[in-house]
Amino acid sequence: MIINIEQGAVQGQYHKTRLANKPFVSFLGIPFAKPPVGELRFRPPVKHPGWTGVYKALSKKKICPQLDVSAMKKIFGDEDCLYLNIFVPQEINEKKPIMIFVHGGGFNFDSGSLNFYSPDYLIEENVILVTFNYRLNVLGFLNLDIEDCPGNMGLKDQLLAFKWVKENIAAFGGDANNITVFGVSAGSVSIHYHILSPLSKGVFQRAIMQSGCAFNPWVMNLKHKNSALKFAADLGCPSDDPHEIVQYLRRIPVNDLVMATKIESINQEFLFYQFIPTIESDQVSERLIPAHPEELSKTATSIPLISGVTDLEGMILFGDHRMGKLIPFRKVEEFIDFFKGDVKSDEVKKRIRSFYFNGHDFKTDIENLKSICTLAGDFFFTKDFHKGFVHLLEKGNTPVYNYEFKIDGEINLCKRNYFSKKPNFLKLKGACHADELSYLFLGHLFALMPKPNSRELSMSRTICKLWTNFAKTGNPNSSDLKFKWDCSSLGNPKYLSIDGDDTHMVEGELNGARVKFWKDIAELVKLNQKL
């Protein structure tokens, strides 16, 4: 199939979905920006000017440069990485809704590759799916407070991809005024930043945030200038002038740049990467994050939202190869000391011990491990969950649907992959951070397909139905589902517990007692700071 768009003619390839044999066309590796190399390194993305002849969008392109997440000893990817993939179902009907997926990976890892995000499940619901790459790590998030290096280049890559889709998707049979963005972890955080940002207003109509928001403790570097200056000095830059630093760093080979961001220490530092989103200086133009998220939430656009978490978010932290020696914790203090800053005060430690561990160490490793994973998940994900959408609830003019994903199945990719050799973790019932992805996507690298007539297959189809219903109409419900998902409100909070045949609505705030505990801790910390 050949499609004509603003940049030129683009050729796609026919396929069929793995489960239902439904026909679709894939367009792989369409460039949406100029290669961010040479003088464009560290700059906001520049729209791709196009090509002559027919662009053959038949094979996937390289991912953006990143460390090998398994061992941190190799660099994968290529600086010329700003490409997107479009998957179009071949059912002939009215213009199709668009779903744009933003990958996660802590702003340092992953890509929009078919290795993880093949369209086979979602596309059976007759939506157009778009996946893409954006710059990561130092290449995507170095911030020197100047036009030549303003910060948040990775988020601006995302915004340019959204705009590219809005401008061109009609040629593929899509509805440019019916775009839903969705993502997990850092992808979810990114989407929250776009909801908050004045630059992204009106580019998409709906959003799905899976396990991440702009208030999580690992998603913003408030000392970005210090990080940038130290990084440049470590690489031998003789100047502390931002303009000279940028020119110096543009001459460094890309692999050397990325390798220099590697953190060796076995402590909490690796959870707080240096090069992540930042507040942009008022000295630069086109600021995507011009102020702190708390300030931006006051004027954020109101759009329909799905937002949720898994029930064992914290398990993901122990998939990191450096964390193994910290498990099992024989003493609660070994884990509590892992946290940063104010959490280390004696009074806070005492309260955490009492709340999560009943004031003492458990007798069994499994009980101890469950509490440790809960504590980790609450600190890094869940305690700030409600702040990610409360600004929408306060306005009360748009639906917000909340969920907790609890399925513990054979295709829970993160749990099965990271912990295949850690049996104690597999004994914990529940879903790890990002486990819902394998119910939405078929990853070619792992190919964890649900078995015919299995619980996993039924749940995959249910979740895809919910997500695509929402993308089509702003409402996840339809008559072919066995339950009704009610939206939440300030006065009447509720959420959908997604757990196979036991999927049902739950009244009250999701993890309300644990969220309140951390609110009280925050108040205690503020009080201590005043004394």
Protein backbone atom coordinates (compact mmCIF):
# COMPACT_ATOMS: atom_id res chain seq x y z
CA MET A 1 0.00 0.00 0.00
CA ILE A 2 1.27 3.49 -0.88
CA ILE A 3 0.03 6.57 0.99
CA ASN A 4 0.74 10.19 0.04
CA ILE A 5 1.50 12.56 2.92
CA GLU A 6 3.06 16.00 3.25
CA GLN A 7 6.62 14.59 3.28
CA GLY A 8 6.09 12.42 0.20
CA ALA A 9 4.85 8.96 -0.74
CA VAL A 10 5.26 6.18 1.84
CA GLN A 11 4.87 2.45 1.25
CA GLY A 12 3.55 0.02 3.86
CA GLN A 13 3.23 -3.74 4.06
CA TYR A 14 0.21 -6.03 4.55
CA HIS A 15 0.05 -8.36 7.57
CA LYS A 16 -2.47 -10.32 9.61
CA THR A 17 -2.86 -10.34 13.37
CA ARG A 18 -1.52 -13.36 15.23
CA LEU A 19 -4.73 -14.25 17.06
CA ALA A 20 -7.68 -13.51 14.78
CA ASN A 21 -5.96 -13.23 11.38
CA LYS A 22 -7.35 -9.74 10.87
CA PRO A 23 -5.62 -7.86 8.02
CA PHE A 24 -3.69 -4.66 8.70
CA VAL A 25 -0.97 -2.56 7.10
CA SER A 26 2.23 -1.57 8.91
CA PHE A 27 4.33 1.49 8.10
CA LEU A 28 7.63 1.07 9.94
CA GLY A 29 10.31 3.66 10.56
CA ILE A 30 8.80 6.84 9.13
CA PRO A 31 11.07 9.79 10.05
CA PHE A 32 9.12 12.52 11.87
CA ALA A 33 12.16 14.72 12.63
CA LYS A 34 15.54 15.48 11.16
CA PRO A 35 18.27 13.22 12.64
CA PRO A 36 19.26 14.98 15.92
CA VAL A 37 22.98 14.79 15.17
CA GLY A 38 25.84 17.29 14.80
CA GLU A 39 24.60 20.81 15.55
CA LEU A 40 21.12 19.41 16.26
CA ARG A 41 22.39 17.31 19.20
CA PHE A 42 20.78 18.65 22.43
CA ARG A 43 18.43 20.92 20.46
CA PRO A 44 14.64 20.58 20.21
CA PRO A 45 13.58 18.38 17.28
CA VAL A 46 13.24 19.85 13.80
CA LYS A 47 10.43 18.68 11.52
CA HIS A 48 11.62 16.27 8.82
CA PRO A 49 11.58 18.00 5.40
CA GLY A 50 10.50 14.93 3.43
CA TRP A 51 11.90 12.88 0.56
CA THR A 52 11.66 12.30 -3.17
CA GLY A 53 10.31 9.07 -4.60
CA VAL A 54 8.57 6.44 -2.47
CA TYR A 55 9.78 5.95 1.11
CA LYS A 56 9.74 2.22 1.83
CA ALA A 57 8.45 1.94 5.42
CA LEU A 58 9.00 -1.80 5.54
CA SER A 59 11.59 -2.38 8.29
CA LYS A 60 12.14 -1.16 11.84
CA LYS A 61 14.80 1.44 12.54
CA LYS A 62 17.39 1.57 15.30
CA ILE A 63 16.43 2.58 18.82
CA CYS A 64 17.75 5.70 20.55
CA PRO A 65 21.16 5.30 22.29
CA GLN A 66 20.94 3.65 25.70
CA LEU A 67 22.81 1.46 28.13
CA ASP A 68 22.11 -2.27 28.15
CA VAL A 69 19.63 -2.47 31.01
CA SER A 70 20.69 -6.01 31.96
CA ALA A 71 24.36 -5.34 32.63
CA MET A 72 25.08 -1.67 31.86
CA LYS A 73 28.23 -2.64 29.92
CA LYS A 74 27.09 -2.02 26.35
CA ILE A 75 25.48 0.81 24.43
CA PHE A 76 22.66 0.05 22.01
CA GLY A 77 21.08 2.30 19.41
CA ASP A 78 21.85 5.14 17.07
CA GLU A 79 21.51 8.92 17.38
CA ASP A 80 19.49 8.94 14.17
CA CYS A 81 16.46 7.40 15.88
CA LEU A 82 13.45 9.71 15.59
CA TYR A 83 11.09 7.41 13.71
CA LEU A 84 7.51 6.29 14.20
CA ASN A 85 5.46 3.23 13.26
CA ILE A 86 1.82 3.26 12.12
CA PHE A 87 -0.47 0.22 12.14
CA VAL A 88 -3.74 0.52 10.22
CA PRO A 89 -6.57 -2.06 10.35
CA GLN A 90 -8.16 -2.86 7.01
CA GLU A 91 -11.82 -2.70 8.00
CA ILE A 92 -13.53 -0.17 5.73
CA ASN A 93 -15.66 2.24 7.73
CA GLU A 94 -15.66 5.81 9.02
CA LYS A 95 -12.43 7.49 10.10
CA LYS A 96 -10.68 5.49 12.77
CA PRO A 97 -9.64 6.71 16.23
CA ILE A 98 -5.90 7.00 16.91
CA MET A 99 -3.96 5.56 19.86
CA ILE A 100 -0.39 6.84 20.28
CA PHE A 101 1.74 4.81 22.69
CA VAL A 102 4.58 6.44 24.66
CA HIS A 103 7.07 3.84 25.92
CA GLY A 104 8.49 3.83 29.45
CA GLY A 105 11.97 3.03 30.73
CA GLY A 106 12.76 5.76 33.25
CA PHE A 107 13.59 8.23 30.43
CA ASN A 108 16.78 6.20 29.96
CA PHE A 109 15.75 2.92 28.31
CA ASP A 110 13.37 1.20 25.85
CA SER A 111 11.91 2.20 22.47
CA GLY A 112 8.75 1.95 20.37
CA SER A 113 10.07 -1.25 18.77
CA LEU A 114 8.03 -4.27 17.65
CA ASN A 115 10.29 -6.25 19.97
CA PHE A 116 7.98 -5.13 22.77
CA TYR A 117 5.03 -3.31 21.21
CA SER A 118 3.50 -5.20 18.31
CA PRO A 119 -0.07 -4.09 17.45
CA ASP A 120 -1.74 -7.52 17.15
CA TYR A 121 -4.15 -7.19 20.09
CA LEU A 122 -5.24 -3.55 20.01
CA ILE A 123 -5.64 -3.34 16.24
CA GLU A 124 -8.30 -6.07 16.31
CA GLU A 125 -10.54 -3.44 17.93
CA ASN A 126 -10.35 -1.28 14.77
CA VAL A 127 -8.14 1.57 15.97
CA ILE A 128 -4.98 2.96 14.37
CA LEU A 129 -1.95 2.43 16.60
CA VAL A 130 1.19 4.58 16.53
CA THR A 131 4.46 3.82 18.35
CA PHE A 132 7.67 5.84 18.19
CA ASN A 133 11.11 6.60 19.65
CA TYR A 134 12.17 9.69 21.57
CA ARG A 135 15.61 10.75 22.79
CA LEU A 136 16.68 9.35 26.15
CA ASN A 137 19.16 10.02 28.94
CA VAL A 138 21.69 12.83 28.40
CA LEU A 139 20.76 13.22 24.71
CA GLY A 140 17.12 13.75 25.59
CA PHE A 141 17.29 15.58 28.91
CA LEU A 142 20.56 17.49 29.40
CA ASN A 143 19.57 21.04 30.42
CA LEU A 144 21.98 23.99 30.38
CA ASP A 145 19.27 26.68 30.43
CA ILE A 146 20.13 27.96 26.94
CA GLU A 147 18.43 27.74 23.53
CA ASP A 148 21.15 25.38 22.32
CA CYS A 149 20.35 22.95 25.16
CA PRO A 150 17.02 23.88 26.78
CA GLY A 151 16.20 20.50 28.35
CA ASN A 152 13.29 18.12 27.82
CA MET A 153 14.30 17.38 24.22
CA GLY A 154 12.84 13.87 24.67
CA LEU A 155 9.45 15.29 25.66
CA LYS A 156 9.61 17.69 22.71
CA ASP A 157 10.33 14.71 20.44
CA GLN A 158 7.11 13.19 21.76
CA LEU A 159 5.15 16.37 21.10
CA LEU A 160 6.50 16.60 17.55
CA ALA A 161 5.44 12.96 16.99
CA PHE A 162 1.93 13.78 18.29
CA LYS A 163 1.74 16.79 15.95
CA TRP A 164 3.04 14.75 13.02
CA VAL A 165 0.25 12.23 13.59
CA LYS A 166 -2.37 14.96 13.89
CA GLU A 167 -1.20 16.52 10.60
CA ASN A 168 -0.83 13.31 8.57
CA ILE A 169 -3.07 10.59 9.98
CA ALA A 170 -6.09 11.43 7.81
CA ALA A 171 -4.19 10.02 4.83
CA PHE A 172 -4.09 6.66 6.65
CA GLY A 173 -7.83 6.68 7.36
CA GLY A 174 -7.52 8.19 10.83
CA ASP A 175 -9.54 10.88 12.60
CA ALA A 176 -7.10 13.70 13.43
CA ASN A 177 -9.56 15.03 16.02
CA ASN A 178 -9.82 11.75 17.92
CA ILE A 179 -6.35 11.05 19.33
CA THR A 180 -5.70 9.21 22.60
CA VAL A 181 -2.18 9.10 24.05
CA PHE A 182 -1.31 6.29 26.44
CA GLY A 183 1.80 5.02 28.15
CA VAL A 184 3.28 3.20 31.11
CA SER A 185 5.79 4.31 33.76
CA ALA A 186 7.95 7.11 32.28
CA GLY A 187 5.57 7.06 29.31
CA SER A 188 2.69 7.75 31.69
CA VAL A 189 4.71 10.49 33.38
CA SER A 190 5.39 12.00 29.96
CA ILE A 191 1.69 12.05 29.17
CA HIS A 192 0.99 13.81 32.46
CA TYR A 193 3.58 16.47 31.55
CA HIS A 194 1.82 16.95 28.21
CA ILE A 195 -1.55 17.29 29.97
CA LEU A 196 0.01 19.97 32.18
CA SER A 197 1.99 21.74 29.45
CA PRO A 198 0.59 24.75 27.58
CA LEU A 199 2.59 23.67 24.50
CA SER A 200 0.67 20.37 24.16
CA LYS A 201 -2.81 21.84 24.52
CA GLY A 202 -5.28 20.57 21.93
CA VAL A 203 -2.92 18.08 20.29
CA PHE A 204 -4.74 15.05 21.75
CA GLN A 205 -8.26 14.54 23.11
CA ARG A 206 -7.88 11.78 25.72
CA ALA A 207 -5.17 10.14 27.81
CA ILE A 208 -4.44 6.87 29.61
CA MET A 209 -1.82 7.03 32.39
CA GLN A 210 -0.52 3.65 33.51
CA SER A 211 1.65 3.68 36.68
CA GLY A 212 3.25 7.08 36.63
CA CYS A 213 2.63 10.81 37.09
CA ALA A 214 4.63 14.03 37.21
CA PHE A 215 4.61 14.01 41.04
CA ASN A 216 6.49 10.72 41.47
CA PRO A 217 9.87 11.27 43.21
CA TRP A 218 11.98 9.93 40.31
CA VAL A 219 10.62 11.99 37.41
CA MET A 220 12.14 15.47 37.78
CA ASN A 221 15.65 16.78 38.45
CA LEU A 222 15.38 20.07 40.32
CA LYS A 223 19.18 20.48 40.30
CA HIS A 224 19.72 19.98 36.59
CA LYS A 225 22.41 22.66 36.21
CA ASN A 226 24.57 20.94 38.83
CA SER A 227 24.12 17.61 37.04
CA ALA A 228 25.05 19.15 33.69
CA LEU A 229 28.17 20.94 34.98
CA LYS A 230 29.41 17.87 36.83
CA PHE A 231 28.81 15.66 33.80
CA ALA A 232 30.76 18.02 31.52
CA ALA A 233 33.63 18.26 34.02
CA ASP A 234 33.79 14.48 34.36
CA LEU A 235 34.19 14.29 30.58
CA GLY A 236 37.09 16.72 30.70
CA CYS A 237 35.38 19.93 29.60
CA PRO A 238 37.65 22.84 30.68
CA SER A 239 34.85 25.42 30.78
CA ASP A 240 31.76 26.03 32.87
CA ASP A 241 30.21 28.31 30.25
CA PRO A 242 27.01 26.59 28.98
CA HIS A 243 27.63 27.55 25.33
CA GLU A 244 31.17 26.17 25.40
CA ILE A 245 29.99 23.03 27.22
CA VAL A 246 27.42 22.28 24.49
CA GLN A 247 30.01 22.67 21.74
CA TYR A 248 32.41 20.46 23.68
CA LEU A 249 29.82 17.73 24.28
CA ARG A 250 28.77 17.76 20.61
CA ARG A 251 32.29 16.60 19.74
CA ILE A 252 32.15 13.61 22.14
CA PRO A 253 31.26 10.27 20.46
CA VAL A 254 27.71 9.32 21.35
CA ASN A 255 28.67 6.02 23.02
CA ASP A 256 31.13 7.83 25.29
CA LEU A 257 28.44 10.32 26.26
CA VAL A 258 25.93 7.65 27.23
CA MET A 259 28.51 5.46 29.01
CA ALA A 260 29.52 8.44 31.13
CA THR A 261 26.01 8.52 32.64
CA LYS A 262 26.45 5.05 34.10
CA ILE A 263 25.99 4.86 37.87
CA GLU A 264 27.79 2.02 39.59
CA SER A 265 26.79 2.46 43.23
CA ILE A 266 24.40 -0.01 44.82
CA ASN A 267 22.20 2.54 46.50
CA GLN A 268 19.14 4.55 45.63
CA GLU A 269 20.96 6.83 43.20
CA PHE A 270 20.23 4.63 40.21
CA LEU A 271 16.52 5.20 40.76
CA PHE A 272 17.03 8.95 40.44
CA TYR A 273 18.69 9.31 37.07
CA GLN A 274 20.49 12.59 36.41
CA PHE A 275 18.99 13.18 32.99
CA ILE A 276 15.21 13.26 33.27
CA PRO A 277 12.62 16.03 32.83
CA THR A 278 13.43 19.48 34.26
CA ILE A 279 11.83 22.90 34.66
CA GLU A 280 12.97 24.98 31.71
CA SER A 281 14.58 28.40 32.13
CA ASP A 282 12.62 31.51 31.23
CA GLN A 283 15.66 32.42 29.11
CA VAL A 284 14.60 29.88 26.48
CA SER A 285 11.61 29.91 24.13
CA GLU A 286 9.03 27.16 23.61
CA ARG A 287 9.14 25.82 27.17
CA LEU A 288 7.29 22.53 27.55
CA ILE A 289 7.68 22.51 31.35
CA PRO A 290 7.80 26.21 32.29
CA ALA A 291 7.04 25.68 36.00
CA HIS A 292 6.69 22.99 38.67
CA PRO A 293 3.86 20.48 38.02
CA GLU A 294 2.00 21.76 41.10
CA GLU A 295 1.82 25.19 39.49
CA LEU A 296 0.98 23.86 36.02
CA SER A 297 -1.85 21.68 37.34
CA LYS A 298 -3.81 24.84 38.20
CA THR A 299 -4.20 25.70 34.51
CA ALA A 300 -4.01 22.21 32.95
CA THR A 301 -6.35 21.22 30.15
CA SER A 302 -9.32 19.09 31.20
CA ILE A 303 -9.54 15.91 29.14
CA PRO A 304 -11.10 12.47 29.80
CA LEU A 305 -8.57 10.28 31.61
CA ILE A 306 -7.94 6.68 32.63
CA SER A 307 -5.34 6.43 35.39
CA GLY A 308 -4.26 3.39 37.39
CA VAL A 309 -1.56 1.31 39.04
CA THR A 310 -0.74 -2.36 39.61
CA ASP A 311 -1.04 -3.92 43.05
CA LEU A 312 2.69 -4.81 43.32
CA GLU A 313 4.35 -1.81 41.67
CA GLY A 314 7.40 -1.97 43.93
CA MET A 315 8.48 -5.40 42.77
CA ILE A 316 10.04 -3.85 39.64
CA LEU A 317 12.79 -2.18 41.68
CA PHE A 318 14.25 -5.56 42.55
CA GLY A 319 14.52 -6.64 38.94
CA ASP A 320 17.61 -4.44 38.68
CA HIS A 321 20.79 -6.51 38.69
CA ARG A 322 22.38 -4.37 41.42
CA MET A 323 19.53 -4.88 43.87
CA GLY A 324 19.83 -8.63 44.35
CA LYS A 325 22.13 -8.41 47.33
CA LEU A 326 19.62 -6.24 49.18
CA ILE A 327 17.10 -9.11 49.23
CA PRO A 328 16.10 -10.62 51.57
CA PHE A 329 16.30 -7.82 54.13
CA ARG A 330 17.00 -9.33 57.49
CA LYS A 331 16.47 -5.97 59.18
CA VAL A 332 13.89 -3.41 58.24
CA GLU A 333 16.45 -0.60 58.65
CA GLU A 334 18.46 -1.96 55.72
CA PHE A 335 15.55 -1.13 53.48
CA ILE A 336 14.38 2.08 55.13
CA ASP A 337 17.92 3.49 54.89
CA PHE A 338 17.71 2.92 51.16
CA PHE A 339 15.38 5.91 50.87
CA LYS A 340 16.63 9.41 50.40
CA GLY A 341 16.59 12.61 52.39
CA ASP A 342 13.94 13.29 55.02
CA VAL A 343 12.68 9.72 55.14
CA LYS A 344 15.80 8.87 57.13
CA SER A 345 14.71 10.79 60.25
CA ASP A 346 14.20 8.57 63.30
CA GLU A 347 10.54 9.50 63.68
CA VAL A 348 9.79 8.71 60.01
CA LYS A 349 11.63 5.37 60.29
CA LYS A 350 9.60 4.53 63.37
CA ARG A 351 6.33 5.29 61.60
CA ILE A 352 7.29 3.29 58.50
CA ARG A 353 8.30 0.32 60.67
CA SER A 354 5.01 0.47 62.52
CA PHE A 355 2.80 0.95 59.44
CA TYR A 356 4.40 -1.51 57.01
CA PHE A 357 6.05 -4.04 59.33
CA ASN A 358 3.87 -3.97 62.44
CA GLY A 359 6.85 -2.59 64.32
CA HIS A 360 9.08 -5.65 63.89
CA ASP A 361 10.68 -7.95 61.34
CA PHE A 362 8.44 -10.68 59.99
CA LYS A 363 9.19 -14.34 60.60
CA THR A 364 9.10 -15.40 56.97
CA ASP A 365 10.96 -14.01 53.99
CA ILE A 366 7.76 -13.99 51.91
CA GLU A 367 5.84 -11.83 54.40
CA ASN A 368 8.83 -9.52 54.70
CA LEU A 369 9.21 -9.34 50.92
CA LYS A 370 5.53 -8.50 50.41
CA SER A 371 5.77 -5.57 52.81
CA ILE A 372 9.03 -4.37 51.27
CA CYS A 373 7.52 -4.42 47.77
CA THR A 374 4.43 -2.59 49.03
CA LEU A 375 6.57 0.06 50.73
CA ALA A 376 8.74 0.50 47.63
CA GLY A 377 5.73 0.73 45.33
CA ASP A 378 4.03 3.26 47.58
CA PHE A 379 7.11 5.47 47.81
CA PHE A 380 7.97 5.51 44.13
CA PHE A 381 4.52 5.24 42.53
CA THR A 382 1.36 4.95 44.61
CA LYS A 383 1.60 7.72 47.21
CA ASP A 384 1.52 10.37 44.47
CA PHE A 385 -1.00 8.54 42.27
CA HIS A 386 -3.99 10.71 43.19
CA LYS A 387 -2.06 13.94 42.61
CA GLY A 388 -1.85 12.89 38.97
CA PHE A 389 -5.56 13.48 38.36
CA VAL A 390 -6.96 15.39 41.36
CA HIS A 391 -6.69 18.64 39.37
CA LEU A 392 -9.17 17.13 36.89
CA LEU A 393 -11.52 15.95 39.64
CA GLU A 394 -11.48 19.40 41.23
CA LYS A 395 -12.67 20.97 37.98
CA GLY A 396 -15.33 18.26 37.74
CA ASN A 397 -15.98 18.77 34.05
CA THR A 398 -14.36 15.66 32.60
CA PRO A 399 -14.54 11.92 33.45
CA VAL A 400 -11.70 10.23 35.33
CA TYR A 401 -11.62 6.43 35.42
CA ASN A 402 -9.33 4.74 37.96
CA TYR A 403 -8.17 1.12 38.08
CA GLU A 404 -5.92 -1.30 39.93
CA PHE A 405 -4.45 -4.06 37.78
CA LYS A 406 -4.13 -7.27 39.85
CA ILE A 407 -3.90 -10.08 37.28
CA ASP A 408 -1.17 -12.60 38.05
CA GLY A 409 -1.02 -14.64 34.88
CA GLU A 410 1.35 -16.61 32.71
CA ILE A 411 1.95 -13.66 30.39
CA ASN A 412 2.84 -11.11 33.11
CA LEU A 413 6.00 -10.15 31.27
CA CYS A 414 7.91 -8.14 33.88
CA LYS A 415 7.22 -10.58 36.68
CA ARG A 416 8.06 -13.66 34.58
CA ASN A 417 11.10 -12.09 32.91
CA TYR A 418 12.85 -10.29 35.75
CA PHE A 419 12.14 -12.86 38.45
CA SER A 420 12.35 -16.19 36.62
CA LYS A 421 15.36 -17.07 38.79
CA LYS A 422 14.00 -15.50 41.97
CA PRO A 423 11.29 -17.93 43.15
CA ASN A 424 10.37 -15.95 46.26
CA PHE A 425 9.15 -13.07 44.09
CA LEU A 426 7.07 -15.41 41.94
CA LYS A 427 5.34 -16.62 45.11
CA LEU A 428 3.99 -13.12 45.71
CA LYS A 429 0.47 -12.89 44.29
CA GLY A 430 -0.19 -9.84 42.17
CA ALA A 431 1.01 -7.82 39.20
CA CYS A 432 4.41 -6.18 38.92
CA HIS A 433 4.89 -2.67 37.52
CA ALA A 434 4.18 -2.69 33.76
CA ASP A 435 2.75 -6.24 33.78
CA GLU A 436 -0.39 -5.05 31.97
CA LEU A 437 1.67 -4.31 28.84
CA SER A 438 1.71 -7.94 27.73
CA TYR A 439 -2.11 -7.91 27.74
CA LEU A 440 -2.11 -4.89 25.40
CA PHE A 441 0.83 -5.78 23.14
CA LEU A 442 2.49 -8.84 21.70
CA GLY A 443 6.24 -8.38 22.09
CA HIS A 444 8.17 -10.13 19.31
CA LEU A 445 11.21 -10.52 21.55
CA PHE A 446 9.37 -12.65 24.12
CA ALA A 447 6.22 -13.75 22.26
CA LEU A 448 4.29 -14.48 25.45
CA MET A 449 1.04 -15.13 23.63
CA PRO A 450 -2.00 -16.10 25.69
CA LYS A 451 -3.09 -19.68 25.18
CA PRO A 452 -6.39 -20.41 23.39
CA ASN A 453 -9.44 -20.23 25.70
CA SER A 454 -7.21 -19.12 28.61
CA ARG A 455 -7.91 -16.64 31.39
CA GLU A 456 -5.06 -14.55 30.00
CA LEU A 457 -6.62 -14.39 26.53
CA SER A 458 -9.98 -13.39 27.96
CA MET A 459 -8.34 -10.68 30.06
CA SER A 460 -6.26 -9.39 27.17
CA ARG A 461 -9.37 -8.97 25.06
CA THR A 462 -11.19 -7.28 27.94
CA ILE A 463 -8.41 -4.76 28.60
CA CYS A 464 -8.00 -4.00 24.90
CA LYS A 465 -11.75 -3.48 24.69
CA LEU A 466 -11.73 -1.08 27.64
CA TRP A 467 -8.78 0.93 26.32
CA THR A 468 -10.10 1.14 22.75
CA ASN A 469 -13.69 1.92 23.82
CA PHE A 470 -12.25 4.85 25.74
CA ALA A 471 -10.18 5.90 22.71
CA LYS A 472 -13.25 5.82 20.50
CA THR A 473 -15.76 7.63 22.74
CA GLY A 474 -14.15 8.73 26.02
CA ASN A 475 -16.12 5.99 27.79
CA PRO A 476 -14.53 2.54 28.38
CA ASN A 477 -17.87 0.75 28.74
CA SER A 478 -19.80 -1.27 26.18
CA SER A 479 -22.68 -3.75 26.29
CA ASP A 480 -20.43 -6.75 25.55
CA LEU A 481 -18.55 -6.34 28.87
CA LYS A 482 -19.69 -8.16 32.02
CA PHE A 483 -19.22 -5.15 34.30
CA LYS A 484 -19.64 -1.36 34.25
CA TRP A 485 -16.69 0.94 34.95
CA ASP A 486 -17.94 4.03 36.77
CA CYS A 487 -15.88 7.21 36.80
CA SER A 488 -14.54 8.63 40.05
CA SER A 489 -15.21 11.98 41.72
CA LEU A 490 -13.91 13.98 44.68
CA GLY A 491 -16.96 13.21 46.78
CA ASN A 492 -17.39 9.62 45.63
CA PRO A 493 -14.00 8.02 44.75
CA LYS A 494 -14.10 4.54 43.23
CA TYR A 495 -12.00 2.34 40.99
CA LEU A 496 -12.12 -0.78 38.86
CA SER A 497 -10.28 -3.79 40.30
CA ILE A 498 -9.01 -5.60 37.17
CA ASP A 499 -8.60 -9.21 38.21
CA GLY A 500 -9.85 -11.72 35.64
CA ASP A 501 -13.33 -13.03 36.29
CA ASP A 502 -13.35 -11.13 39.58
CA THR A 503 -13.08 -7.72 37.87
CA HIS A 504 -15.42 -5.36 39.74
CA MET A 505 -15.92 -1.81 41.03
CA VAL A 506 -14.59 -0.89 44.48
CA GLU A 507 -15.91 2.05 46.47
CA GLY A 508 -13.42 4.41 48.08
CA GLU A 509 -9.99 5.80 47.29
CA LEU A 510 -7.48 3.35 45.81
CA ASN A 511 -4.92 2.48 48.52
CA GLY A 512 -6.49 5.26 50.60
CA ALA A 513 -4.93 4.35 53.96
CA ARG A 514 -1.45 4.11 52.46
CA VAL A 515 -1.84 7.41 50.60
CA LYS A 516 -2.98 9.09 53.83
CA PHE A 517 0.04 7.64 55.66
CA TRP A 518 2.41 9.35 53.21
CA LYS A 519 0.46 12.62 53.41
CA ASP A 520 0.97 12.53 57.17
CA ILE A 521 4.68 11.79 56.66
CA ALA A 522 4.94 14.80 54.33
CA GLU A 523 3.34 16.99 57.01
CA LEU A 524 5.77 15.64 59.62
CA VAL A 525 8.74 16.41 57.37
CA LYS A 526 7.48 19.98 56.80
CA LEU A 527 7.04 20.44 60.54
CA ASN A 528 10.58 19.19 61.21
CA GLN A 529 11.95 21.58 58.61
CA LYS A 530 10.32 24.55 60.36
CA LEU A 531 11.69 23.60 63.79
